[in-house]
Amino acid sequence: MSDLPTSVLNPPARLLLGPGPSPVHPRIYRAMTAPVLGYADPLFYEIMEDTKTLLRYVYNTENALTFPVSGTGTAGMETAIANAVEPGDEVIVGIIGTFGQRLQSIAERHQAVIHTVEVPFGTAIAPEQMEAALKAHPKTKVVMMVHGETSTGVIQPMDEIAKIIKAHGAYLILDTVTSLSGAPVNVDQWGVDFAYSGTQKCLNAPPGLSPFTVSDRGEAMVQARKTPVGVWYLDLAGIRQYWGGGRTYYHTPPTTMIYALREALAVIAEEGLENRFARHARNAQALHAGLQAMGLSLLVKDASIRLPSLTTVNIPEGVDDAKLREVMRDQLNIDIAGGQGLLAGKIWRIGLMGYGSSSANVYSFLTTLHQALALQNHKTDLGAGLAASGAILGN
């Protein structure tokens, strides 16, 4: 078998400005080269405790059961649903994009009775819409929502809606995959019962873990289940025996990825969440201003609900989406993404996440996009775009 691939792996160093994975901070790369410890090593337990403490900080919570699920963000999504939902439970799913649709699909597989609150992609759910749904379905046990919708670039305002859900006595599952550490996520203030995220977005670690937190109320509900959790690997009753302090083996944790997450969270704590939020907001506003000054339009018209970590740009008429992204990736070394589902071929998704949210990347992206569009004979005003961004960035 002389044709086996035995060469040294050497992928290119691209600038990742899509919806994830995001650029990995050098400090996190270094952490991942540390020696692997056994999952029962007391030194590894210390790393676990650091990770839990730092996760509580970014989630703004005191929840005891706060830990990373071994799997990507979708594993966190299924952990929440599998533990919170029993067959026949009524749930309301807020759908503002394709990840709301994924919540619905997973809940259906766990035999929930589904009700939906859907809005056009690029908009957010209004509090009165959720109020009406809860009144129409008074037996609702769980409400599932996406805070930062990766497919549309919308951030769902939660303050009023969370109060409404709490007033109706329902449990709240919240997807924070693209918002955590890029925008405020107030788990305790909002009364979130289950929240999950992903390491590859604003946290700037590679994909592979889903930061997760459960309220005391949520834990009590899971413990009172009448039926077993339908996914053994994601059963919180077993996982908490290891992450909750008892250290009883459940399944082998990915130690090197936990190193990465611990270090990523330490980088965030060192910067400070408020500083981080301000940086994301400023760079997003500069990107939006630059794109619009160049003559391009944004999917999300309401600036107040634009997700700071991810921007969705309408593809100009006559521009070949796949060809432009290929040129940007292979010739200009910047990786962005197209639309998903109903938005496929209609938008580009641009991520400025964590370490990747910088003024340099705003300018680099605008310049590169201008070059790629010019190759398809689509003219943009780069000078106006850079000037508009610079007016916000001050450099």
Protein backbone atom coordinates (compact mmCIF):
# COMPACT_ATOMS: atom_id res chain seq x y z
CA MET A 1 0.00 0.00 0.00
CA SER A 2 2.57 2.53 -1.17
CA ASP A 3 -0.09 5.21 -1.85
CA LEU A 4 -0.93 5.80 1.83
CA PRO A 5 -0.79 9.51 2.80
CA THR A 6 2.27 9.68 5.03
CA SER A 7 3.42 13.24 4.36
CA VAL A 8 3.53 15.74 7.21
CA LEU A 9 0.23 17.58 7.60
CA ASN A 10 0.68 21.21 6.58
CA PRO A 11 -2.60 23.13 6.05
CA PRO A 12 -2.35 26.80 5.01
CA ALA A 13 -2.76 29.62 7.52
CA ARG A 14 -5.92 31.29 6.22
CA LEU A 15 -7.60 34.32 7.75
CA LEU A 16 -10.88 32.86 9.00
CA LEU A 17 -13.58 35.53 8.71
CA GLY A 18 -16.60 33.27 8.29
CA PRO A 19 -19.20 32.07 10.82
CA GLY A 20 -16.73 29.71 12.48
CA PRO A 21 -14.24 28.37 13.12
CA SER A 22 -12.65 31.67 14.03
CA PRO A 23 -8.93 32.52 14.28
CA VAL A 24 -7.30 30.68 17.20
CA HIS A 25 -5.35 32.86 19.63
CA PRO A 26 -1.62 31.88 19.75
CA ARG A 27 -1.88 31.38 23.51
CA ILE A 28 -4.54 28.72 22.91
CA TYR A 29 -2.39 26.91 20.34
CA ARG A 30 0.40 26.78 22.91
CA ALA A 31 -1.93 25.37 25.56
CA MET A 32 -2.90 22.55 23.21
CA THR A 33 0.70 21.37 23.00
CA ALA A 34 0.87 20.76 26.77
CA PRO A 35 1.29 17.13 27.92
CA VAL A 36 -1.92 15.11 28.13
CA LEU A 37 -2.99 14.26 31.68
CA GLY A 38 -5.19 11.39 32.78
CA TYR A 39 -8.85 12.23 33.37
CA ALA A 40 -8.46 11.19 37.04
CA ASP A 41 -5.26 13.17 37.67
CA PRO A 42 -5.72 15.72 40.51
CA LEU A 43 -3.89 18.28 38.37
CA PHE A 44 -6.47 17.80 35.63
CA TYR A 45 -9.22 18.28 38.22
CA GLU A 46 -7.72 21.71 38.93
CA ILE A 47 -7.93 22.56 35.22
CA MET A 48 -11.56 21.41 35.22
CA GLU A 49 -12.35 23.67 38.16
CA ASP A 50 -10.64 26.63 36.46
CA THR A 51 -12.74 25.98 33.36
CA LYS A 52 -15.98 25.83 35.31
CA THR A 53 -15.21 29.06 37.20
CA LEU A 54 -14.34 30.89 33.98
CA LEU A 55 -17.44 29.59 32.20
CA ARG A 56 -19.61 30.97 35.00
CA TYR A 57 -17.93 34.32 34.41
CA VAL A 58 -18.69 34.46 30.67
CA TYR A 59 -22.24 33.17 31.18
CA ASN A 60 -22.81 35.62 34.07
CA THR A 61 -24.19 32.86 36.25
CA GLU A 62 -23.79 31.16 39.61
CA ASN A 63 -25.07 27.82 38.29
CA ALA A 64 -23.30 24.91 39.96
CA LEU A 65 -23.64 22.65 36.93
CA THR A 66 -21.57 24.57 34.39
CA PHE A 67 -19.14 22.60 32.23
CA PRO A 68 -18.19 21.84 28.61
CA VAL A 69 -20.12 19.09 26.79
CA SER A 70 -17.79 16.77 24.86
CA GLY A 71 -18.91 17.65 21.35
CA THR A 72 -19.58 20.69 19.17
CA GLY A 73 -22.36 23.22 19.64
CA THR A 74 -24.98 20.86 18.25
CA ALA A 75 -24.05 18.37 20.98
CA GLY A 76 -24.86 21.10 23.49
CA MET A 77 -28.14 21.72 21.70
CA GLU A 78 -29.11 18.06 21.91
CA THR A 79 -27.95 17.81 25.54
CA ALA A 80 -30.37 20.58 26.48
CA ILE A 81 -33.28 19.13 24.54
CA ALA A 82 -32.68 15.49 25.47
CA ASN A 83 -32.60 16.29 29.18
CA ALA A 84 -35.37 18.89 29.28
CA VAL A 85 -37.93 17.24 27.01
CA GLU A 86 -39.86 14.02 27.57
CA PRO A 87 -42.17 12.41 25.00
CA GLY A 88 -45.40 14.36 24.74
CA ASP A 89 -44.08 17.56 26.30
CA GLU A 90 -45.29 20.74 24.65
CA VAL A 91 -42.54 23.12 23.56
CA ILE A 92 -42.42 26.44 21.75
CA VAL A 93 -39.53 26.98 19.35
CA GLY A 94 -38.61 30.52 18.34
CA ILE A 95 -37.40 30.40 14.73
CA ILE A 96 -35.38 33.34 13.40
CA GLY A 97 -33.10 31.24 11.18
CA THR A 98 -31.85 27.76 10.38
CA PHE A 99 -30.61 27.02 13.89
CA GLY A 100 -34.09 27.57 15.25
CA GLN A 101 -35.19 25.05 12.66
CA ARG A 102 -32.53 22.67 13.98
CA LEU A 103 -33.91 23.07 17.50
CA GLN A 104 -37.30 22.08 16.14
CA SER A 105 -35.90 19.05 14.30
CA ILE A 106 -34.08 17.70 17.35
CA ALA A 107 -37.10 18.30 19.61
CA GLU A 108 -39.28 16.36 17.17
CA ARG A 109 -36.90 13.40 17.39
CA HIS A 110 -37.34 13.49 21.16
CA GLN A 111 -41.11 13.27 20.57
CA ALA A 112 -42.04 16.74 21.73
CA VAL A 113 -45.28 18.42 20.68
CA ILE A 114 -43.99 21.42 18.75
CA HIS A 115 -45.42 24.92 18.45
CA THR A 116 -43.42 27.56 16.60
CA VAL A 117 -43.06 31.31 16.57
CA GLU A 118 -41.50 32.18 13.22
CA VAL A 119 -40.43 35.52 11.75
CA PRO A 120 -38.82 36.45 8.42
CA PHE A 121 -35.09 35.77 8.34
CA GLY A 122 -33.22 38.95 9.20
CA THR A 123 -35.72 39.98 11.91
CA ALA A 124 -36.24 39.10 15.59
CA ILE A 125 -39.21 37.81 17.57
CA ALA A 126 -41.18 40.51 19.38
CA PRO A 127 -42.19 40.01 23.02
CA GLU A 128 -45.88 40.18 22.15
CA GLN A 129 -45.46 37.31 19.68
CA MET A 130 -44.04 35.08 22.42
CA GLU A 131 -46.74 36.23 24.84
CA ALA A 132 -49.44 35.26 22.34
CA ALA A 133 -47.88 31.83 21.75
CA LEU A 134 -47.68 31.06 25.46
CA LYS A 135 -51.28 32.12 25.97
CA ALA A 136 -52.36 29.96 23.03
CA HIS A 137 -50.46 26.97 24.43
CA PRO A 138 -50.77 27.15 28.21
CA LYS A 139 -49.35 23.65 28.73
CA THR A 140 -45.97 24.66 27.26
CA LYS A 141 -43.16 23.16 29.33
CA VAL A 142 -40.11 24.50 27.46
CA VAL A 143 -39.36 27.48 25.22
CA MET A 144 -36.32 27.17 22.93
CA MET A 145 -34.67 30.22 21.40
CA VAL A 146 -31.51 31.25 19.56
CA HIS A 147 -29.77 34.29 21.00
CA GLY A 148 -27.24 34.84 18.20
CA GLU A 149 -28.56 33.34 14.94
CA THR A 150 -25.54 32.28 12.89
CA SER A 151 -27.51 31.93 9.67
CA THR A 152 -28.96 35.46 9.62
CA GLY A 153 -26.72 37.66 11.76
CA VAL A 154 -29.57 38.60 14.12
CA ILE A 155 -29.18 38.94 17.89
CA GLN A 156 -32.48 38.19 19.60
CA PRO A 157 -33.28 40.70 22.39
CA MET A 158 -33.98 38.63 25.50
CA ASP A 159 -34.81 41.00 28.38
CA GLU A 160 -38.58 41.28 27.85
CA ILE A 161 -39.12 37.86 26.29
CA ALA A 162 -37.31 36.13 29.16
CA LYS A 163 -39.62 37.85 31.67
CA ILE A 164 -42.66 36.67 29.74
CA ILE A 165 -41.42 33.07 29.59
CA LYS A 166 -40.68 33.12 33.32
CA ALA A 167 -44.12 34.57 34.12
CA HIS A 168 -45.74 31.64 32.31
CA GLY A 169 -43.64 29.13 34.27
CA ALA A 170 -41.92 27.61 31.25
CA TYR A 171 -38.28 26.51 31.14
CA LEU A 172 -35.95 28.37 28.78
CA ILE A 173 -33.32 26.78 26.53
CA LEU A 174 -31.05 29.37 24.91
CA ASP A 175 -28.57 28.90 22.06
CA THR A 176 -25.57 31.20 22.65
CA VAL A 177 -23.24 29.61 20.12
CA THR A 178 -22.35 32.80 18.24
CA SER A 179 -23.01 35.32 21.02
CA LEU A 180 -21.10 34.02 24.06
CA SER A 181 -18.28 36.49 24.92
CA GLY A 182 -19.07 38.59 21.83
CA ALA A 183 -22.22 40.13 23.32
CA PRO A 184 -23.75 40.11 26.82
CA VAL A 185 -25.26 36.75 27.83
CA ASN A 186 -27.01 37.16 31.20
CA VAL A 187 -28.06 33.65 32.16
CA ASP A 188 -29.13 34.39 35.74
CA GLN A 189 -30.73 37.75 35.01
CA TRP A 190 -32.79 36.30 32.16
CA GLY A 191 -33.70 33.13 34.05
CA VAL A 192 -32.21 30.81 31.44
CA ASP A 193 -32.48 27.16 32.48
CA PHE A 194 -30.23 25.57 29.84
CA ALA A 195 -27.65 27.45 27.77
CA TYR A 196 -25.06 26.09 25.39
CA SER A 197 -22.40 27.49 23.08
CA GLY A 198 -19.44 26.40 20.92
CA THR A 199 -15.71 26.81 21.34
CA GLN A 200 -15.06 27.78 17.70
CA LYS A 201 -16.86 31.12 17.61
CA CYS A 202 -16.12 34.11 19.88
CA LEU A 203 -14.18 31.90 22.32
CA ASN A 204 -11.48 31.39 19.64
CA ALA A 205 -10.65 27.75 20.38
CA PRO A 206 -10.92 24.96 17.79
CA PRO A 207 -14.27 23.18 17.37
CA GLY A 208 -14.96 20.29 19.71
CA LEU A 209 -16.61 21.43 22.96
CA SER A 210 -19.93 23.01 23.86
CA PRO A 211 -19.86 25.23 26.97
CA PHE A 212 -23.01 24.41 28.91
CA THR A 213 -24.83 25.66 32.00
CA VAL A 214 -27.97 24.49 33.82
CA SER A 215 -29.98 26.36 36.45
CA ASP A 216 -30.85 24.75 39.77
CA ARG A 217 -34.46 24.75 38.59
CA GLY A 218 -33.43 23.00 35.39
CA GLU A 219 -31.45 20.39 37.32
CA ALA A 220 -34.43 19.68 39.56
CA MET A 221 -36.64 19.23 36.52
CA VAL A 222 -34.21 16.75 34.96
CA GLN A 223 -33.97 14.79 38.20
CA ALA A 224 -37.78 14.55 38.31
CA ARG A 225 -38.08 13.03 34.82
CA LYS A 226 -40.46 10.11 34.45
CA THR A 227 -38.55 8.61 31.50
CA PRO A 228 -34.82 8.01 30.91
CA VAL A 229 -32.89 10.55 28.86
CA GLY A 230 -32.91 9.28 25.28
CA VAL A 231 -29.18 9.82 24.64
CA TRP A 232 -26.91 7.96 27.07
CA TYR A 233 -23.77 9.93 26.21
CA LEU A 234 -25.49 13.26 26.94
CA ASP A 235 -27.39 12.29 30.11
CA LEU A 236 -26.77 15.04 32.68
CA ALA A 237 -27.32 12.62 35.54
CA GLY A 238 -24.19 10.73 34.49
CA ILE A 239 -22.15 13.72 33.33
CA ARG A 240 -22.66 15.62 36.59
CA GLN A 241 -21.12 12.74 38.54
CA TYR A 242 -17.79 13.65 36.89
CA TRP A 243 -18.07 17.41 36.34
CA GLY A 244 -20.16 18.05 39.44
CA GLY A 245 -17.38 17.15 41.86
CA GLY A 246 -17.75 13.43 42.48
CA ARG A 247 -15.22 12.64 39.72
CA THR A 248 -16.96 9.37 38.89
CA TYR A 249 -15.94 8.28 35.38
CA TYR A 250 -18.70 8.62 32.79
CA HIS A 251 -16.94 8.99 29.44
CA THR A 252 -13.41 10.08 28.62
CA PRO A 253 -13.12 13.88 28.38
CA PRO A 254 -11.09 15.42 25.53
CA THR A 255 -8.29 16.72 27.75
CA THR A 256 -6.43 18.76 25.14
CA MET A 257 -9.61 20.55 24.07
CA ILE A 258 -10.34 21.34 27.71
CA TYR A 259 -6.86 22.87 27.93
CA ALA A 260 -7.79 24.99 24.92
CA LEU A 261 -11.10 26.11 26.41
CA ARG A 262 -9.56 26.91 29.77
CA GLU A 263 -6.93 29.07 28.08
CA ALA A 264 -9.47 30.73 25.79
CA LEU A 265 -11.58 31.70 28.79
CA ALA A 266 -8.51 33.00 30.61
CA VAL A 267 -7.74 35.25 27.64
CA ILE A 268 -11.30 36.60 27.82
CA ALA A 269 -11.10 37.22 31.57
CA GLU A 270 -7.80 39.02 31.10
CA GLU A 271 -9.37 41.41 28.58
CA GLY A 272 -12.58 41.78 30.58
CA LEU A 273 -16.05 41.11 29.22
CA GLU A 274 -17.12 44.75 28.97
CA ASN A 275 -13.99 45.64 26.99
CA ARG A 276 -14.57 42.62 24.77
CA PHE A 277 -18.20 43.54 24.10
CA ALA A 278 -17.20 47.10 23.24
CA ARG A 279 -14.51 45.88 20.84
CA HIS A 280 -16.92 43.56 19.04
CA ALA A 281 -19.56 46.28 18.76
CA ARG A 282 -17.10 48.89 17.46
CA ASN A 283 -15.57 46.63 14.82
CA ALA A 284 -18.99 45.39 13.68
CA GLN A 285 -20.25 48.96 13.30
CA ALA A 286 -17.13 49.85 11.32
CA LEU A 287 -17.64 46.86 9.03
CA HIS A 288 -21.31 47.74 8.49
CA ALA A 289 -20.49 51.35 7.70
CA GLY A 290 -17.71 50.35 5.33
CA LEU A 291 -19.83 47.85 3.42
CA GLN A 292 -22.70 50.28 3.01
CA ALA A 293 -20.39 53.11 1.90
CA MET A 294 -18.98 50.76 -0.74
CA GLY A 295 -22.50 50.35 -2.14
CA LEU A 296 -23.40 46.98 -0.58
CA SER A 297 -26.48 46.23 1.53
CA LEU A 298 -26.99 44.24 4.73
CA LEU A 299 -29.61 41.56 5.33
CA VAL A 300 -30.46 42.83 8.82
CA LYS A 301 -31.98 46.27 8.31
CA ASP A 302 -32.52 47.09 11.97
CA ALA A 303 -29.09 48.02 13.33
CA SER A 304 -30.21 47.36 16.91
CA ILE A 305 -30.53 43.61 16.28
CA ARG A 306 -27.36 43.05 14.27
CA LEU A 307 -25.18 40.40 15.85
CA PRO A 308 -21.80 42.02 16.66
CA SER A 309 -19.85 38.87 15.88
CA LEU A 310 -21.42 38.04 12.50
CA THR A 311 -22.55 40.23 9.61
CA THR A 312 -24.76 39.13 6.71
CA VAL A 313 -24.25 40.90 3.38
CA ASN A 314 -26.66 40.70 0.47
CA ILE A 315 -24.93 39.36 -2.66
CA PRO A 316 -25.16 41.91 -5.48
CA GLU A 317 -27.14 40.90 -8.55
CA GLY A 318 -24.99 39.23 -11.18
CA VAL A 319 -22.19 38.21 -8.80
CA ASP A 320 -21.30 34.51 -8.69
CA ASP A 321 -21.36 33.63 -4.97
CA ALA A 322 -19.32 30.39 -5.10
CA LYS A 323 -16.73 31.84 -7.48
CA LEU A 324 -16.18 34.93 -5.32
CA ARG A 325 -15.70 32.91 -2.14
CA GLU A 326 -13.32 30.56 -3.96
CA VAL A 327 -11.21 33.49 -5.18
CA MET A 328 -11.15 35.05 -1.73
CA ARG A 329 -10.07 31.77 -0.15
CA ASP A 330 -7.62 30.37 -2.70
CA GLN A 331 -6.12 33.56 -4.13
CA LEU A 332 -6.61 36.20 -1.44
CA ASN A 333 -6.44 33.85 1.61
CA ILE A 334 -9.57 35.04 3.41
CA ASP A 335 -12.25 32.47 4.19
CA ILE A 336 -15.90 33.60 4.41
CA ALA A 337 -19.16 31.69 4.06
CA GLY A 338 -22.34 31.81 2.03
CA GLY A 339 -25.91 31.54 3.19
CA GLN A 340 -27.70 28.48 4.57
CA GLY A 341 -31.12 27.09 3.78
CA LEU A 342 -33.46 29.77 2.43
CA LEU A 343 -30.54 32.22 2.26
CA ALA A 344 -28.21 29.98 0.23
CA GLY A 345 -26.81 31.96 -2.71
CA LYS A 346 -28.33 35.19 -1.36
CA ILE A 347 -25.93 36.37 1.36
CA TRP A 348 -22.36 36.21 2.59
CA ARG A 349 -21.66 35.65 6.27
CA ILE A 350 -18.71 37.58 7.69
CA GLY A 351 -17.41 36.78 11.16
CA LEU A 352 -15.44 39.15 13.37
CA MET A 353 -15.19 36.90 16.40
CA GLY A 354 -13.02 37.21 19.48
CA TYR A 355 -9.38 37.34 18.43
CA GLY A 356 -10.58 37.88 14.86
CA SER A 357 -12.51 41.04 15.74
CA SER A 358 -9.96 43.75 14.94
CA SER A 359 -9.69 46.96 12.95
CA ALA A 360 -6.98 45.34 10.81
CA ASN A 361 -9.39 42.59 9.80
CA VAL A 362 -12.12 45.11 8.98
CA TYR A 363 -9.80 46.90 6.58
CA SER A 364 -8.37 43.65 5.16
CA PHE A 365 -11.80 42.25 4.47
CA LEU A 366 -13.15 45.37 2.78
CA THR A 367 -10.08 45.61 0.56
CA THR A 368 -10.17 41.92 -0.35
CA LEU A 369 -13.89 41.95 -1.08
CA HIS A 370 -13.39 44.98 -3.33
CA GLN A 371 -10.69 43.07 -5.25
CA ALA A 372 -12.77 39.92 -5.58
CA LEU A 373 -15.82 41.84 -6.79
CA ALA A 374 -13.69 43.72 -9.33
CA LEU A 375 -12.70 40.38 -10.87
CA GLN A 376 -16.40 39.91 -11.67
CA ASN A 377 -16.68 43.47 -13.02
CA HIS A 378 -18.72 44.65 -10.04
CA LYS A 379 -17.50 48.06 -8.94
CA THR A 380 -17.43 49.25 -5.33
CA ASP A 381 -16.14 52.46 -3.79
CA LEU A 382 -13.31 51.15 -1.63
CA GLY A 383 -12.11 54.61 -0.67
CA ALA A 384 -15.52 55.54 0.71
CA GLY A 385 -15.74 52.22 2.53
CA LEU A 386 -12.36 52.58 4.24
CA ALA A 387 -13.15 56.20 5.15
CA ALA A 388 -16.50 55.22 6.70
CA SER A 389 -14.89 52.43 8.73
CA GLY A 390 -12.02 54.68 9.77
CA ALA A 391 -14.44 57.31 11.06
CA ILE A 392 -15.72 54.76 13.58
CA LEU A 393 -12.39 53.11 14.35
CA GLY A 394 -10.50 56.36 14.66
CA ASN A 395 -7.40 55.10 12.87
